[in-house]
Protein backbone atom coordinates (compact mmCIF):
# COMPACT_ATOMS: atom_id res chain seq x y z
CA MET A 1 -27.34 -89.05 -178.28
CA ASP A 2 -28.32 -89.51 -181.92
CA LYS A 3 -29.34 -87.05 -184.54
CA ASN A 4 -32.36 -86.83 -182.41
CA VAL A 5 -30.72 -85.48 -179.36
CA ALA A 6 -31.84 -83.44 -177.00
CA ARG A 7 -32.66 -84.93 -173.61
CA ARG A 8 -32.97 -83.76 -170.62
CA GLY A 9 -34.48 -82.74 -167.08
CA PHE A 10 -36.21 -85.35 -165.07
CA LEU A 11 -38.62 -82.99 -163.33
CA PHE A 12 -41.62 -81.22 -164.80
CA SER A 13 -41.38 -77.46 -164.85
CA GLY A 14 -45.03 -77.74 -163.91
CA ALA A 15 -47.03 -79.98 -161.61
CA ALA A 16 -46.98 -83.73 -161.33
CA LEU A 17 -49.35 -85.80 -163.43
CA GLY A 18 -51.13 -87.34 -160.49
CA ALA A 19 -50.76 -88.80 -157.06
CA GLY A 20 -48.28 -91.38 -158.31
CA ALA A 21 -46.82 -89.35 -161.13
CA LEU A 22 -43.43 -90.23 -162.48
CA VAL A 23 -40.90 -87.57 -161.66
CA SER A 24 -38.93 -86.95 -164.47
CA ALA A 25 -33.27 -85.88 -170.35
CA CYS A 26 -32.04 -85.67 -177.42
CA THR A 27 -33.93 -85.32 -180.23
CA SER A 28 -34.48 -83.49 -183.47
CA ASN A 29 -36.46 -83.90 -186.61
CA GLU A 30 -33.67 -85.90 -188.21
CA PRO A 31 -33.37 -89.70 -188.57
CA VAL A 32 -31.53 -91.50 -185.80
CA ALA A 33 -27.80 -92.14 -185.87
CA ALA A 34 -25.86 -95.36 -186.16
CA PRO A 35 -26.82 -98.18 -183.79
CA GLN A 36 -25.38 -97.99 -180.33
CA ALA A 37 -24.85 -100.43 -177.50
CA ALA A 38 -27.50 -102.31 -175.55
CA GLN A 39 -30.41 -100.27 -174.35
CA ALA A 40 -31.83 -99.59 -170.93
CA SER A 41 -34.27 -97.13 -169.54
CA ALA A 42 -35.76 -95.88 -166.35
CA PRO A 43 -38.18 -98.20 -164.62
CA ALA A 44 -41.63 -96.68 -164.68
CA ALA A 45 -42.70 -95.69 -161.20
CA ALA A 46 -45.79 -97.67 -160.24
CA PRO A 47 -48.90 -95.58 -159.66
CA SER A 48 -50.08 -95.38 -156.09
CA ALA A 49 -52.84 -97.91 -155.56
CA ASN A 50 -56.35 -96.78 -156.46
CA THR A 51 -55.94 -93.14 -155.46
CA GLY A 52 -56.90 -90.00 -157.34
CA ASN A 53 -56.11 -90.07 -161.03
CA ASP A 54 -54.40 -93.43 -160.70
CA ALA A 55 -57.58 -95.22 -159.70
CA PRO A 56 -58.89 -97.42 -162.55
CA GLY A 57 -61.29 -95.55 -164.78
CA GLU A 58 -62.77 -95.72 -168.24
CA LYS A 59 -60.93 -98.15 -170.54
CA VAL A 60 -58.78 -96.32 -173.08
CA VAL A 61 -56.77 -97.48 -176.08
CA ILE A 62 -53.52 -95.58 -176.54
CA GLY A 63 -51.81 -95.78 -179.93
CA PHE A 64 -48.06 -95.24 -179.96
CA SER A 65 -45.58 -94.48 -182.74
CA ALA A 66 -41.87 -93.67 -182.50
CA PRO A 67 -38.68 -94.04 -184.54
CA ALA A 68 -36.74 -97.31 -184.60
CA ALA A 69 -34.94 -98.07 -181.36
CA ASP A 70 -31.45 -98.18 -182.82
CA HIS A 71 -30.00 -95.57 -180.48
CA GLY A 72 -29.77 -95.49 -176.71
CA TRP A 73 -32.08 -92.54 -176.11
CA ILE A 74 -34.70 -93.63 -178.65
CA ALA A 75 -34.62 -97.19 -177.30
CA ALA A 76 -35.36 -95.79 -173.86
CA ILE A 77 -38.27 -93.75 -175.25
CA SER A 78 -40.07 -96.88 -176.47
CA LYS A 79 -39.35 -98.87 -173.31
CA ASN A 80 -40.51 -96.09 -171.02
CA ALA A 81 -43.79 -95.80 -172.93
CA THR A 82 -44.38 -99.55 -172.81
CA ASP A 83 -43.57 -99.81 -169.11
CA ALA A 84 -45.81 -96.88 -168.21
CA ALA A 85 -48.78 -98.36 -170.08
CA LYS A 86 -48.39 -101.63 -168.18
CA GLN A 87 -48.99 -99.82 -164.90
CA TYR A 88 -52.66 -99.19 -165.70
CA SER A 89 -55.34 -101.86 -165.89
CA ASP A 90 -57.58 -99.44 -167.80
CA VAL A 91 -55.06 -98.88 -170.61
CA GLU A 92 -54.77 -100.97 -173.76
CA PHE A 93 -51.43 -100.11 -175.34
CA LYS A 94 -51.37 -100.33 -179.13
CA PRO A 95 -47.88 -99.63 -180.50
CA VAL A 96 -47.04 -99.80 -184.19
CA GLU A 97 -43.77 -101.04 -185.67
CA PRO A 98 -41.07 -98.42 -185.02
CA THR A 99 -39.41 -97.10 -188.16
CA ASN A 100 -37.03 -94.41 -189.37
CA ASP A 101 -38.83 -94.21 -192.71
CA ILE A 102 -41.13 -91.17 -192.87
CA ASN A 103 -43.67 -92.76 -195.20
CA GLN A 104 -43.83 -95.93 -193.12
CA GLN A 105 -44.45 -93.94 -189.96
CA ILE A 106 -47.22 -91.99 -191.68
CA SER A 107 -48.84 -95.26 -192.79
CA ALA A 108 -48.49 -96.69 -189.28
CA VAL A 109 -50.20 -93.67 -187.73
CA GLU A 110 -52.95 -93.87 -190.35
CA SER A 111 -53.55 -97.49 -189.30
CA LEU A 112 -54.03 -96.34 -185.69
CA ILE A 113 -56.49 -93.70 -186.84
CA GLN A 114 -58.42 -96.34 -188.79
CA ALA A 115 -58.39 -98.55 -185.68
CA LYS A 116 -60.12 -95.66 -183.86
CA VAL A 117 -57.81 -95.61 -180.85
CA ASN A 118 -58.89 -93.19 -178.11
CA VAL A 119 -55.68 -91.18 -178.10
CA LEU A 120 -52.35 -91.15 -179.95
CA VAL A 121 -48.83 -90.65 -178.57
CA ILE A 122 -46.39 -89.78 -181.35
CA LEU A 123 -42.69 -89.05 -181.39
CA PRO A 124 -42.29 -88.25 -185.09
CA ASN A 125 -39.19 -88.87 -187.13
CA ASP A 126 -39.85 -85.43 -188.55
CA GLY A 127 -42.42 -83.09 -187.05
CA GLN A 128 -42.90 -81.17 -190.27
CA GLN A 129 -43.45 -84.23 -192.42
CA LEU A 130 -45.81 -85.97 -190.01
CA ASN A 131 -47.78 -82.83 -189.23
CA GLN A 132 -50.51 -83.65 -191.75
CA VAL A 133 -51.24 -87.16 -190.44
CA ALA A 134 -51.29 -85.85 -186.85
CA ARG A 135 -53.77 -83.18 -187.96
CA GLN A 136 -55.78 -85.95 -189.62
CA ALA A 137 -56.03 -87.71 -186.27
CA MET A 138 -57.09 -84.56 -184.46
CA ASP A 139 -59.70 -83.81 -187.12
CA ALA A 140 -61.03 -87.36 -186.61
CA GLY A 141 -61.53 -86.61 -182.92
CA ILE A 142 -58.45 -88.52 -181.71
CA PRO A 143 -56.32 -86.36 -179.37
CA VAL A 144 -52.60 -86.43 -180.13
CA VAL A 145 -49.87 -86.19 -177.50
CA ASN A 146 -46.80 -84.93 -179.36
CA VAL A 147 -43.51 -86.06 -177.83
CA ASP A 148 -40.42 -83.87 -178.18
CA ARG A 149 -40.15 -83.16 -181.94
CA VAL A 150 -42.95 -80.69 -182.24
CA PHE A 151 -45.52 -80.56 -185.00
CA PRO A 152 -45.45 -77.02 -186.44
CA ASP A 153 -49.27 -76.77 -186.55
CA LYS A 154 -50.73 -76.49 -183.05
CA LEU A 155 -53.97 -77.89 -184.43
CA ALA A 156 -52.06 -81.16 -185.01
CA TYR A 157 -51.74 -81.97 -181.30
CA ARG A 158 -53.70 -81.67 -178.07
CA ALA A 159 -50.62 -81.62 -175.83
CA TRP A 160 -46.86 -81.48 -176.26
CA ILE A 161 -44.20 -82.73 -173.86
CA GLY A 162 -40.48 -82.48 -174.51
CA GLY A 163 -37.06 -81.39 -173.38
CA ASP A 164 -35.45 -77.98 -173.09
CA ASN A 165 -32.51 -77.71 -175.48
CA TYR A 166 -31.73 -74.10 -174.56
CA GLY A 167 -31.95 -75.12 -170.91
CA MET A 168 -29.40 -77.88 -171.49
CA GLY A 169 -26.92 -75.31 -172.72
CA VAL A 170 -27.67 -73.01 -169.80
CA ALA A 171 -27.16 -75.83 -167.29
CA ALA A 172 -23.86 -76.85 -168.87
CA GLY A 173 -22.69 -73.25 -169.10
CA HIS A 174 -23.42 -72.49 -165.47
CA HIS A 175 -21.71 -75.66 -164.27
CA ILE A 176 -18.57 -74.96 -166.29
CA GLY A 177 -18.58 -71.22 -165.60
CA LYS A 178 -18.93 -71.61 -161.85
CA ALA A 179 -16.32 -74.37 -161.66
CA LEU A 180 -13.77 -72.26 -163.53
CA LYS A 181 -14.55 -69.16 -161.47
CA ASP A 182 -14.17 -71.17 -158.26
CA LYS A 183 -10.75 -72.33 -159.48
CA GLY A 184 -9.74 -68.76 -160.23
CA VAL A 185 -9.20 -69.49 -163.91
CA SER A 186 -9.03 -66.44 -166.17
CA ASN A 187 -9.28 -66.54 -169.97
CA PRO A 188 -10.13 -70.27 -170.01
CA VAL A 189 -10.01 -72.45 -173.11
CA ILE A 190 -13.56 -73.81 -173.37
CA LEU A 191 -14.39 -76.24 -176.17
CA GLU A 192 -17.86 -77.26 -177.35
CA ILE A 193 -18.58 -80.51 -179.17
CA GLN A 194 -22.01 -80.18 -180.76
CA GLY A 195 -24.29 -82.79 -182.30
CA ILE A 196 -25.29 -81.59 -185.79
CA ALA A 197 -24.56 -77.89 -186.12
CA THR A 198 -27.31 -77.15 -188.63
CA LEU A 199 -30.15 -78.44 -186.44
CA PRO A 200 -32.27 -75.90 -184.53
CA LEU A 201 -31.98 -78.00 -181.39
CA THR A 202 -28.18 -77.84 -181.54
CA GLN A 203 -28.31 -74.10 -182.15
CA ASP A 204 -30.58 -73.72 -179.12
CA ARG A 205 -28.16 -75.70 -176.98
CA SER A 206 -25.20 -73.64 -178.16
CA LYS A 207 -27.03 -70.36 -177.54
CA GLY A 208 -27.96 -71.41 -174.02
CA PHE A 209 -24.34 -72.41 -173.37
CA ALA A 210 -22.95 -69.12 -174.70
CA ASP A 211 -25.52 -67.05 -172.79
CA ALA A 212 -24.72 -68.79 -169.50
CA LEU A 213 -20.95 -68.53 -169.98
CA LYS A 214 -21.34 -64.83 -170.71
CA THR A 215 -22.61 -64.25 -167.16
CA TYR A 216 -19.15 -65.36 -165.94
CA GLY A 217 -17.28 -63.30 -168.52
CA PHE A 218 -16.35 -66.39 -170.55
CA THR A 219 -16.81 -67.37 -174.19
CA VAL A 220 -16.47 -70.58 -176.20
CA THR A 221 -12.96 -70.85 -177.63
CA ALA A 222 -13.85 -73.34 -180.36
CA GLN A 223 -16.80 -75.52 -181.32
CA GLN A 224 -17.18 -78.40 -183.76
CA ASP A 225 -20.04 -80.78 -184.46
CA ALA A 226 -19.71 -84.55 -184.08
CA LYS A 227 -22.93 -85.72 -185.82
CA PHE A 228 -24.21 -87.53 -182.70
CA THR A 229 -22.14 -90.63 -183.48
CA VAL A 230 -19.41 -92.40 -181.53
CA GLU A 231 -17.08 -92.41 -184.52
CA SER A 232 -17.39 -88.68 -185.16
CA GLY A 233 -17.06 -88.03 -181.44
CA THR A 234 -13.67 -89.74 -181.46
CA GLN A 235 -12.49 -87.89 -184.55
CA VAL A 236 -13.68 -84.44 -183.50
CA ALA A 237 -12.30 -84.73 -179.96
CA GLY A 238 -8.95 -85.85 -181.38
CA ASN A 239 -8.83 -82.90 -183.76
CA LEU A 240 -9.73 -80.40 -181.05
CA MET A 241 -7.09 -81.74 -178.68
CA GLN A 242 -4.45 -81.52 -181.39
CA ALA A 243 -5.43 -77.92 -182.07
CA HIS A 244 -5.43 -76.89 -178.41
CA LYS A 245 -2.46 -77.85 -176.30
CA LYS A 246 -4.16 -76.45 -173.21
CA ILE A 247 -7.85 -76.98 -172.45
CA ASP A 248 -9.77 -75.98 -169.34
CA ALA A 249 -13.24 -77.43 -170.03
CA ILE A 250 -15.28 -79.23 -172.69
CA TRP A 251 -19.03 -79.45 -173.14
CA ASN A 252 -20.08 -82.43 -175.21
CA HIS A 253 -23.77 -82.14 -176.21
CA ASP A 254 -24.52 -85.84 -176.23
CA ASP A 255 -23.56 -88.77 -174.00
CA ASP A 256 -23.93 -91.29 -176.83
CA GLN A 257 -21.33 -89.52 -178.98
CA GLY A 258 -19.49 -88.92 -175.71
CA ILE A 259 -18.37 -92.54 -175.73
CA GLY A 260 -16.18 -91.65 -178.70
CA VAL A 261 -15.11 -88.36 -177.17
CA LEU A 262 -13.94 -90.07 -173.98
CA ALA A 263 -12.14 -92.76 -175.97
CA ALA A 264 -10.16 -90.09 -177.82
CA ILE A 265 -9.32 -88.31 -174.57
CA LYS A 266 -8.07 -91.53 -173.02
CA GLU A 267 -6.02 -92.35 -176.11
CA ALA A 268 -4.42 -88.89 -176.02
CA GLY A 269 -3.66 -89.18 -172.31
CA ARG A 270 -5.09 -85.72 -171.61
CA ASP A 271 -6.51 -84.94 -168.17
CA GLU A 272 -5.79 -81.26 -167.53
CA PHE A 273 -9.44 -80.33 -168.18
CA PHE A 274 -12.89 -81.45 -167.08
CA MET A 275 -15.86 -82.35 -169.26
CA VAL A 276 -19.64 -82.00 -169.02
CA GLY A 277 -21.85 -84.34 -171.04
CA GLY A 278 -25.41 -84.10 -172.27
CA ALA A 279 -28.58 -86.27 -172.16
CA GLY A 280 -28.09 -88.23 -168.96
CA SER A 281 -27.00 -91.70 -170.04
CA ALA A 282 -26.47 -94.36 -167.39
CA ASN A 283 -22.92 -95.08 -168.49
CA ALA A 284 -22.07 -91.37 -168.22
CA MET A 285 -23.55 -91.32 -164.71
CA ARG A 286 -21.46 -94.33 -163.72
CA ASP A 287 -18.31 -92.59 -165.00
CA ILE A 288 -19.26 -89.49 -163.02
CA GLN A 289 -19.82 -91.58 -159.88
CA ALA A 290 -16.44 -93.29 -160.28
CA ASP A 291 -14.77 -89.87 -160.57
CA SER A 292 -11.77 -91.49 -162.23
CA GLY A 293 -11.69 -89.48 -165.46
CA VAL A 294 -12.38 -86.07 -166.95
CA LEU A 295 -16.20 -86.48 -167.09
CA LYS A 296 -17.52 -84.65 -164.04
CA ALA A 297 -21.14 -83.89 -164.92
CA THR A 298 -23.90 -84.33 -167.47
CA VAL A 299 -27.05 -82.30 -168.13
CA THR A 300 -30.24 -84.22 -168.71
CA TYR A 301 -32.80 -84.59 -171.50
CA PRO A 302 -35.05 -87.37 -170.17
CA PRO A 303 -36.44 -90.24 -172.24
CA THR A 304 -38.83 -90.61 -169.30
CA MET A 305 -40.88 -88.03 -171.20
CA ALA A 306 -42.40 -90.98 -173.07
CA ALA A 307 -43.72 -92.50 -169.84
CA SER A 308 -45.14 -89.13 -168.86
CA ALA A 309 -46.71 -88.83 -172.33
CA ILE A 310 -48.58 -92.11 -171.78
CA ARG A 311 -49.90 -90.83 -168.46
CA ILE A 312 -50.93 -87.55 -170.06
CA ALA A 313 -52.67 -89.44 -172.89
CA ARG A 314 -54.64 -91.53 -170.38
CA LEU A 315 -55.78 -88.42 -168.50
CA ILE A 316 -56.85 -86.69 -171.71
CA ALA A 317 -58.80 -89.74 -172.93
CA GLN A 318 -60.55 -90.01 -169.56
CA GLY A 319 -61.34 -86.29 -169.43
CA LYS A 320 -59.17 -85.63 -166.38
CA GLY A 321 -56.71 -82.92 -165.45
CA MET A 322 -53.52 -83.10 -163.41
CA SER A 323 -54.29 -83.63 -159.76
CA ASP A 324 -51.80 -81.02 -158.53
CA LEU A 325 -53.30 -78.30 -160.73
CA LEU A 326 -56.58 -76.47 -160.19
CA GLU A 327 -57.45 -76.57 -163.89
CA GLN A 328 -59.68 -79.38 -165.11
CA GLN A 329 -57.65 -80.15 -168.24
CA VAL A 330 -54.10 -81.28 -168.98
CA PRO A 331 -51.88 -78.32 -170.03
CA GLN A 332 -51.24 -77.82 -173.74
CA SER A 333 -47.47 -77.76 -173.32
CA ILE A 334 -45.02 -79.22 -170.79
CA THR A 335 -41.31 -78.45 -171.03
CA LEU A 336 -39.01 -80.62 -168.93
CA ALA A 337 -36.22 -79.01 -166.96
CA SER A 338 -32.59 -79.90 -167.64
CA GLU A 339 -31.00 -81.18 -164.44
CA THR A 340 -27.26 -81.18 -163.74
CA ILE A 341 -25.93 -84.54 -162.58
CA THR A 342 -22.68 -84.65 -160.62
CA LYS A 343 -20.96 -87.14 -158.34
CA ASP A 344 -23.10 -85.83 -155.48
CA ASN A 345 -26.47 -86.76 -157.01
CA ALA A 346 -25.64 -89.39 -159.65
CA ALA A 347 -27.04 -92.20 -157.49
CA GLN A 348 -30.42 -90.43 -157.40
CA TYR A 349 -30.63 -90.14 -161.18
CA LEU A 350 -28.97 -93.40 -162.22
CA PRO A 351 -32.24 -95.43 -162.24
CA LEU A 352 -33.58 -92.95 -164.80
CA GLY A 353 -30.58 -93.19 -167.13
CA PHE A 354 -30.41 -94.97 -170.47
CA GLU A 355 -27.63 -97.16 -171.84
CA SER A 356 -25.64 -95.70 -174.71
């Protein structure tokens, strides 16, 4: 993933958005990392025809702003939003030019406010720095759906949807802990390759990982951050393998940087350990399916949250709630679960993956 990591369960930890709701894996408030390979994203599930909340209703204009799509996960965010909007005949989708420049994103959002869109969906480059313009939209009567990187002022958004960074760590920790216990391993060497160590999201992931491992009587032997880039992933993995002649398991926080991590592992010819990834990229899932290397699982942080955000925005603009809930309004906050993908269920999740 990039400096924005943090994907990733594909299922709501609440109810579905509607009769045809998309079931749904990394981000921070930092700019995105270096460009990655070609992008892909999950196909948006088509709404069921003319039933419940999916039936055509009042025409709504949804404004959309996100960072530049120069990273696999971010690219999937934009594509998921676009594809979801196309599913509804009553939605006019109005995206602005994606950018990693804070001031340009603020100006772009201001242009959507001036255009008097019905609702805004915003994944900010920096939640803190875009808080004021989001509040401006809300004060102008335009509801804001905040995606992933949260605005600190709750008055700056009507609803938030995002991933569970702590939950990612918990999922990875339980998978590794159980696997080592099942093998009868005592005092294992467990390594952790973080994204950017100073980011709150990374700290949340590491805490979740440590807390889960603790339930098995294990601790992290060593951790080092790899900046969410392929190049750093290669360097950090190489350094860790040189420092540890025996390794039992590795958790790599991000599947994008994992490309570099796996390259270093292959170059070193090491295979005495297994690895768990993070975010839920399609290429990681294919490696897991093939079962021909050390990567045995990944924990998700879904870019499908952008598609769900479009659906939420439509419901809010039309004054509807979620059809599976008794309440008449969309919830204020939706946290996505982090799912664990293994060889057994990779085929199920592969259509929802993104290309690193």
